[in-house]
């Protein structure tokens, strides 16, 4: 029996449609949503592992790293959100500290 190559997986979209997805991109986006992780992380892992691992190694990688990726995303969002206390007039005290 022939071993499936990565090229065959990419050109044979039936593996994705058989699993309810229009194509590989739709499948990768669904993984990001399902595990609540940034799409960019799914794409990076998928590109490192290759299409042959989409339904095995990629899923395991996402599961193993999901908590870290979500924490990283939350930290990044906090850095981009202005602190409401910094908008208080000088000399005003914030009682939440």
Protein backbone atom coordinates (compact mmCIF):
# COMPACT_ATOMS: atom_id res chain seq x y z
CA UNK A 1 0.00 0.00 0.00
CA UNK A 2 1.32 3.43 -0.94
CA UNK A 3 2.00 5.94 1.79
CA UNK A 4 0.11 9.19 1.29
CA UNK A 5 2.34 12.16 0.52
CA UNK A 6 1.71 15.70 1.66
CA UNK A 7 1.15 16.74 -1.95
CA UNK A 8 -1.60 14.14 -2.36
CA UNK A 9 -3.35 15.39 0.77
CA UNK A 10 -3.36 18.98 -0.48
CA UNK A 11 -4.61 18.09 -3.95
CA UNK A 12 -7.24 15.66 -2.62
CA UNK A 13 -9.70 17.98 -0.91
CA UNK A 14 -12.10 15.12 -0.24
CA UNK A 15 -10.43 14.52 3.12
CA UNK A 16 -11.58 18.00 4.16
CA UNK A 17 -15.02 17.81 2.56
CA UNK A 18 -15.57 14.34 4.04
CA UNK A 19 -14.99 15.94 7.43
CA UNK A 20 -17.45 18.78 6.77
CA UNK A 21 -15.09 21.51 5.55
CA UNK A 22 -14.93 23.24 2.18
CA UNK A 23 -11.13 23.02 2.01
CA UNK A 24 -7.97 23.03 4.11
CA UNK A 25 -8.21 26.72 5.00
CA UNK A 26 -11.76 26.25 6.28
CA UNK A 27 -10.60 23.27 8.32
CA UNK A 28 -7.69 25.19 9.85
CA UNK A 29 -9.98 28.10 10.72
CA UNK A 30 -12.39 25.68 12.39
CA UNK A 31 -9.56 24.31 14.54
CA UNK A 32 -8.72 27.82 15.71
CA UNK A 33 -12.34 28.42 16.67
CA UNK A 34 -12.83 24.99 18.25
CA UNK A 35 -9.79 25.34 20.51
CA UNK A 36 -10.09 29.10 21.02
CA UNK A 37 -6.60 29.81 19.77
CA UNK A 38 -5.27 32.45 17.38
CA UNK A 39 -5.56 31.43 13.73
CA UNK A 40 -1.97 32.57 13.15
CA UNK A 41 -0.76 29.89 15.58
CA UNK A 42 -2.75 27.19 13.80
CA UNK A 43 -1.29 28.29 10.45
CA UNK A 44 2.24 28.27 11.85
CA UNK A 45 1.87 24.79 13.33
CA UNK A 46 0.20 23.51 10.14
CA UNK A 47 3.00 24.88 7.98
CA UNK A 48 5.64 23.28 10.19
CA UNK A 49 3.92 19.88 10.31
CA UNK A 50 2.56 19.79 6.77
CA UNK A 51 -0.84 18.69 5.48
CA UNK A 52 -0.15 15.02 6.19
CA UNK A 53 -0.52 15.81 9.91
CA UNK A 54 -3.70 17.92 9.67
CA UNK A 55 -5.93 15.34 11.37
CA UNK A 56 -3.39 13.88 13.79
CA UNK A 57 -0.21 15.73 14.74
CA UNK A 58 -1.67 19.17 14.16
CA UNK A 59 -4.63 18.52 16.44
CA UNK A 60 -2.31 17.14 19.13
CA UNK A 61 -0.01 20.16 18.79
CA UNK A 62 -2.94 22.55 19.16
CA UNK A 63 -4.24 20.68 22.20
CA UNK A 64 -0.79 20.69 23.79
CA UNK A 65 -0.23 24.42 23.23
CA UNK A 66 -3.78 25.84 23.45
CA UNK A 67 -3.52 27.13 27.03
CA UNK A 68 -0.24 28.90 26.34
CA UNK A 69 -1.48 30.40 23.07
CA UNK A 70 -4.66 31.69 24.73
CA UNK A 71 -2.65 33.27 27.58
CA UNK A 72 -0.28 34.82 25.06
CA UNK A 73 -3.21 36.24 23.10
CA UNK A 74 -4.83 37.66 26.26
CA UNK A 75 -1.57 39.30 27.32
CA UNK A 76 -1.18 40.83 23.88
CA UNK A 77 -4.72 42.21 24.01
CA UNK A 78 -4.10 43.69 27.47
CA UNK A 79 -1.01 45.47 26.16
CA UNK A 80 -3.05 46.98 23.33
CA UNK A 81 -5.91 48.12 25.60
CA UNK A 82 -5.27 51.47 27.26
CA UNK A 83 -5.42 51.41 31.04
CA UNK A 84 -8.43 53.46 32.11
CA UNK A 85 -6.48 54.64 35.18
CA UNK A 86 -3.94 56.38 32.94
CA UNK A 87 -6.77 58.62 31.71
CA UNK A 88 -7.57 59.92 35.19
CA UNK A 89 -6.61 63.51 35.92
CA UNK A 90 -3.33 63.94 37.75
CA UNK A 91 -3.73 63.66 41.49
CA UNK A 92 -6.84 61.48 41.24
CA UNK A 93 -6.61 58.21 43.16
CA UNK A 94 -7.86 54.92 41.88
CA UNK A 95 -9.34 52.89 44.72
CA UNK A 96 -9.00 49.56 42.94
CA UNK A 97 -5.34 49.19 43.95
